[in-house]
Amino acid sequence: MRVEVVASQSTCNPTEGRPISLERVNAMHDLMTLAEASDRLRTPAATLRYWRHVGTGPKSFRIGGRVVYKSADVETWIEKQYADDPSPAA
C-alpha cells in the first residue's frame, strides 16, 4: 500500500480516496501479524493460537479475518510475565 503525506498532515487511503490521519497510519504500522508476534515472543505460532483460545496470551483482535497484535500489548504482556515470575533474578 502506498501512502502519500500531504501538507495537512494527513494521508490518502488509496482504496477509498479519503484522507486518513498520520496517527492512524502509525497505528497500522504498530500492528503485528501472528507470525511477527510469534517471532517477537520466540514462541511457535501454534502456541500463540492456543494462548488466544484459552485467553492467556497477549491481547489480540481480528481485522478482516486476520488475527493481529498491537506491539504495545505484546510488550506489556512480556513485562507482566516478568513481573509475575516467582523465580529470583539471577
N, C-alpha and C. Protein backbone atom coordinates (compact mmCIF):
# COMPACT_ATOMS: atom_id res chain seq x y z
N MET A 1 0.84 -1.16 0.00
CA MET A 1 0.00 0.00 0.00
C MET A 1 0.89 1.24 0.00
N ARG A 2 0.66 2.14 -0.90
CA ARG A 2 1.42 3.38 -0.99
C ARG A 2 0.61 4.49 -0.36
N VAL A 3 1.22 5.20 0.57
CA VAL A 3 0.55 6.29 1.28
C VAL A 3 1.36 7.56 1.08
N GLU A 4 0.70 8.64 0.69
CA GLU A 4 1.38 9.90 0.46
C GLU A 4 1.03 10.89 1.57
N VAL A 5 2.03 11.58 2.08
CA VAL A 5 1.81 12.61 3.09
C VAL A 5 1.57 13.93 2.39
N VAL A 6 0.52 14.61 2.79
CA VAL A 6 0.21 15.92 2.21
C VAL A 6 0.42 16.99 3.27
N ALA A 7 0.38 18.22 2.86
CA ALA A 7 0.69 19.34 3.75
C ALA A 7 -0.20 19.41 4.98
N SER A 8 -1.41 18.88 4.93
CA SER A 8 -2.33 18.98 6.05
C SER A 8 -2.09 17.89 7.10
N GLN A 9 -0.94 17.24 7.05
CA GLN A 9 -0.60 16.18 8.00
C GLN A 9 -1.58 15.02 7.95
N SER A 10 -2.12 14.75 6.79
CA SER A 10 -2.97 13.58 6.62
C SER A 10 -2.51 12.85 5.37
N THR A 11 -2.99 11.65 5.21
CA THR A 11 -2.63 10.87 4.03
C THR A 11 -3.90 10.45 3.33
N CYS A 12 -3.73 9.91 2.17
CA CYS A 12 -4.88 9.49 1.39
C CYS A 12 -4.90 7.97 1.33
N ASN A 13 -6.02 7.40 1.69
CA ASN A 13 -6.20 5.96 1.59
C ASN A 13 -6.45 5.65 0.12
N PRO A 14 -5.54 4.95 -0.54
CA PRO A 14 -5.68 4.73 -1.98
C PRO A 14 -6.90 3.92 -2.36
N THR A 15 -7.43 3.12 -1.47
CA THR A 15 -8.61 2.31 -1.81
C THR A 15 -9.90 3.09 -1.66
N GLU A 16 -9.91 4.10 -0.79
CA GLU A 16 -11.14 4.84 -0.55
C GLU A 16 -11.07 6.28 -1.03
N GLY A 17 -9.86 6.80 -1.24
CA GLY A 17 -9.71 8.17 -1.67
C GLY A 17 -10.00 9.20 -0.59
N ARG A 18 -10.10 8.75 0.66
CA ARG A 18 -10.37 9.68 1.77
C ARG A 18 -9.10 9.91 2.55
N PRO A 19 -8.92 11.12 3.09
CA PRO A 19 -7.74 11.37 3.91
C PRO A 19 -7.79 10.59 5.22
N ILE A 20 -6.65 10.11 5.67
CA ILE A 20 -6.55 9.47 6.97
C ILE A 20 -5.40 10.13 7.72
N SER A 21 -5.49 10.15 9.03
CA SER A 21 -4.51 10.86 9.84
C SER A 21 -3.19 10.09 9.91
N LEU A 22 -2.12 10.83 10.20
CA LEU A 22 -0.82 10.21 10.38
C LEU A 22 -0.84 9.28 11.59
N GLU A 23 -1.63 9.62 12.61
CA GLU A 23 -1.73 8.76 13.78
C GLU A 23 -2.28 7.39 13.39
N ARG A 24 -3.27 7.39 12.49
CA ARG A 24 -3.84 6.12 12.05
C ARG A 24 -2.84 5.32 11.22
N VAL A 25 -2.08 5.99 10.38
CA VAL A 25 -1.04 5.31 9.60
C VAL A 25 -0.02 4.69 10.53
N ASN A 26 0.41 5.46 11.55
CA ASN A 26 1.37 4.93 12.51
C ASN A 26 0.79 3.76 13.27
N ALA A 27 -0.49 3.83 13.62
CA ALA A 27 -1.14 2.74 14.34
C ALA A 27 -1.17 1.47 13.49
N MET A 28 -1.37 1.62 12.18
CA MET A 28 -1.39 0.45 11.31
C MET A 28 -0.01 -0.22 11.28
N HIS A 29 1.05 0.59 11.36
CA HIS A 29 2.39 0.03 11.36
C HIS A 29 2.76 -0.56 12.72
N ASP A 30 1.97 -0.25 13.74
CA ASP A 30 2.18 -0.75 15.09
C ASP A 30 1.60 -2.16 15.25
N LEU A 31 0.87 -2.65 14.27
CA LEU A 31 0.23 -3.96 14.36
C LEU A 31 1.20 -5.06 13.96
N MET A 32 1.09 -6.19 14.63
CA MET A 32 1.92 -7.35 14.33
C MET A 32 1.02 -8.50 13.90
N THR A 33 1.43 -9.23 12.89
CA THR A 33 0.71 -10.43 12.50
C THR A 33 1.02 -11.54 13.51
N LEU A 34 0.32 -12.64 13.39
CA LEU A 34 0.58 -13.79 14.24
C LEU A 34 2.04 -14.24 14.10
N ALA A 35 2.54 -14.28 12.88
CA ALA A 35 3.93 -14.69 12.64
C ALA A 35 4.92 -13.72 13.27
N GLU A 36 4.64 -12.41 13.17
CA GLU A 36 5.54 -11.42 13.75
C GLU A 36 5.53 -11.49 15.28
N ALA A 37 4.35 -11.67 15.85
CA ALA A 37 4.25 -11.81 17.31
C ALA A 37 4.96 -13.08 17.76
N SER A 38 4.80 -14.13 16.99
CA SER A 38 5.47 -15.39 17.30
C SER A 38 6.99 -15.22 17.29
N ASP A 39 7.50 -14.51 16.30
CA ASP A 39 8.94 -14.23 16.23
C ASP A 39 9.39 -13.39 17.43
N ARG A 40 8.62 -12.36 17.75
CA ARG A 40 8.98 -11.48 18.86
C ARG A 40 9.01 -12.23 20.18
N LEU A 41 8.06 -13.14 20.37
CA LEU A 41 7.97 -13.90 21.62
C LEU A 41 8.82 -15.17 21.60
N ARG A 42 9.39 -15.47 20.44
CA ARG A 42 10.18 -16.70 20.27
C ARG A 42 9.38 -17.92 20.70
N THR A 43 8.14 -17.93 20.22
CA THR A 43 7.17 -18.97 20.56
C THR A 43 6.51 -19.44 19.26
N PRO A 44 6.25 -20.74 19.13
CA PRO A 44 5.58 -21.22 17.92
C PRO A 44 4.21 -20.56 17.73
N ALA A 45 3.83 -20.35 16.49
CA ALA A 45 2.52 -19.75 16.19
C ALA A 45 1.39 -20.59 16.78
N ALA A 46 1.55 -21.90 16.79
CA ALA A 46 0.51 -22.77 17.36
C ALA A 46 0.31 -22.49 18.84
N THR A 47 1.39 -22.16 19.54
CA THR A 47 1.27 -21.82 20.97
C THR A 47 0.51 -20.51 21.13
N LEU A 48 0.79 -19.52 20.28
CA LEU A 48 0.03 -18.26 20.34
C LEU A 48 -1.44 -18.50 20.05
N ARG A 49 -1.75 -19.36 19.09
CA ARG A 49 -3.15 -19.69 18.80
C ARG A 49 -3.82 -20.32 20.02
N TYR A 50 -3.10 -21.22 20.68
CA TYR A 50 -3.64 -21.87 21.87
C TYR A 50 -3.86 -20.84 22.98
N TRP A 51 -2.85 -19.99 23.22
CA TRP A 51 -2.99 -18.96 24.24
C TRP A 51 -4.19 -18.06 23.94
N ARG A 52 -4.40 -17.74 22.66
CA ARG A 52 -5.56 -16.92 22.28
C ARG A 52 -6.85 -17.67 22.61
N HIS A 53 -6.87 -18.96 22.34
CA HIS A 53 -8.05 -19.80 22.60
C HIS A 53 -8.40 -19.83 24.08
N VAL A 54 -7.40 -19.99 24.94
CA VAL A 54 -7.65 -20.10 26.38
C VAL A 54 -7.59 -18.74 27.09
N GLY A 55 -7.22 -17.68 26.37
CA GLY A 55 -7.23 -16.34 26.93
C GLY A 55 -6.06 -16.00 27.83
N THR A 56 -4.91 -16.62 27.60
CA THR A 56 -3.76 -16.35 28.46
C THR A 56 -2.64 -15.55 27.78
N GLY A 57 -2.68 -15.41 26.49
CA GLY A 57 -1.60 -14.73 25.78
C GLY A 57 -1.81 -13.24 25.69
N PRO A 58 -0.99 -12.58 24.89
CA PRO A 58 -1.14 -11.14 24.69
C PRO A 58 -2.50 -10.82 24.06
N LYS A 59 -3.00 -9.63 24.34
CA LYS A 59 -4.26 -9.19 23.77
C LYS A 59 -4.16 -9.17 22.25
N SER A 60 -5.19 -9.69 21.60
CA SER A 60 -5.21 -9.73 20.14
C SER A 60 -6.63 -9.44 19.67
N PHE A 61 -6.74 -9.18 18.38
CA PHE A 61 -8.06 -8.94 17.79
C PHE A 61 -7.98 -9.26 16.30
N ARG A 62 -9.12 -9.23 15.65
CA ARG A 62 -9.18 -9.56 14.23
C ARG A 62 -9.43 -8.31 13.40
N ILE A 63 -8.74 -8.26 12.28
CA ILE A 63 -9.01 -7.25 11.26
C ILE A 63 -9.15 -8.02 9.95
N GLY A 64 -10.33 -7.97 9.38
CA GLY A 64 -10.56 -8.67 8.12
C GLY A 64 -10.30 -10.16 8.20
N GLY A 65 -10.58 -10.75 9.33
CA GLY A 65 -10.39 -12.19 9.50
C GLY A 65 -8.99 -12.58 9.93
N ARG A 66 -8.06 -11.64 9.96
CA ARG A 66 -6.68 -11.93 10.36
C ARG A 66 -6.46 -11.51 11.80
N VAL A 67 -5.83 -12.38 12.57
CA VAL A 67 -5.50 -12.07 13.96
C VAL A 67 -4.28 -11.16 13.98
N VAL A 68 -4.38 -10.06 14.71
CA VAL A 68 -3.27 -9.12 14.83
C VAL A 68 -3.06 -8.76 16.30
N TYR A 69 -1.88 -8.28 16.59
CA TYR A 69 -1.48 -7.87 17.93
C TYR A 69 -0.92 -6.47 17.84
N LYS A 70 -1.24 -5.62 18.82
CA LYS A 70 -0.60 -4.32 18.91
C LYS A 70 0.76 -4.55 19.58
N SER A 71 1.79 -3.93 19.04
CA SER A 71 3.13 -4.09 19.59
C SER A 71 3.17 -3.75 21.07
N ALA A 72 2.49 -2.68 21.45
CA ALA A 72 2.47 -2.27 22.86
C ALA A 72 1.83 -3.34 23.75
N ASP A 73 0.79 -4.01 23.24
CA ASP A 73 0.14 -5.08 24.02
C ASP A 73 1.07 -6.27 24.21
N VAL A 74 1.83 -6.60 23.19
CA VAL A 74 2.79 -7.70 23.30
C VAL A 74 3.87 -7.35 24.32
N GLU A 75 4.39 -6.13 24.24
CA GLU A 75 5.42 -5.70 25.20
C GLU A 75 4.87 -5.66 26.62
N THR A 76 3.65 -5.19 26.80
CA THR A 76 3.01 -5.15 28.12
C THR A 76 2.86 -6.56 28.67
N TRP A 77 2.47 -7.50 27.82
CA TRP A 77 2.29 -8.89 28.24
C TRP A 77 3.64 -9.49 28.68
N ILE A 78 4.70 -9.18 27.94
CA ILE A 78 6.04 -9.66 28.30
C ILE A 78 6.42 -9.12 29.68
N GLU A 79 6.21 -7.83 29.90
CA GLU A 79 6.54 -7.23 31.20
C GLU A 79 5.73 -7.86 32.33
N LYS A 80 4.47 -8.16 32.07
CA LYS A 80 3.63 -8.79 33.09
C LYS A 80 4.15 -10.19 33.41
N GLN A 81 4.57 -10.92 32.40
CA GLN A 81 5.12 -12.26 32.64
C GLN A 81 6.37 -12.17 33.51
N TYR A 82 7.19 -11.17 33.23
CA TYR A 82 8.41 -10.97 34.01
C TYR A 82 8.07 -10.62 35.46
N ALA A 83 7.12 -9.71 35.63
CA ALA A 83 6.75 -9.26 36.98
C ALA A 83 6.10 -10.39 37.79
N ASP A 84 5.36 -11.28 37.15
CA ASP A 84 4.66 -12.36 37.83
C ASP A 84 5.53 -13.59 38.07
N ASP A 85 6.75 -13.59 37.53
CA ASP A 85 7.63 -14.74 37.68
C ASP A 85 8.17 -14.81 39.11
N PRO A 86 7.87 -15.90 39.83
CA PRO A 86 8.31 -16.00 41.23
C PRO A 86 9.79 -16.35 41.39
N SER A 87 10.45 -16.75 40.34
CA SER A 87 11.86 -17.14 40.49
C SER A 87 12.72 -15.91 40.76
N PRO A 88 13.74 -16.06 41.59
CA PRO A 88 14.62 -14.92 41.90
C PRO A 88 15.44 -14.52 40.68
N ALA A 89 15.72 -13.24 40.59
CA ALA A 89 16.53 -12.74 39.49
C ALA A 89 17.96 -13.22 39.66
N ALA A 90 18.62 -13.50 38.54
CA ALA A 90 19.99 -14.01 38.61
C ALA A 90 20.98 -12.92 38.85
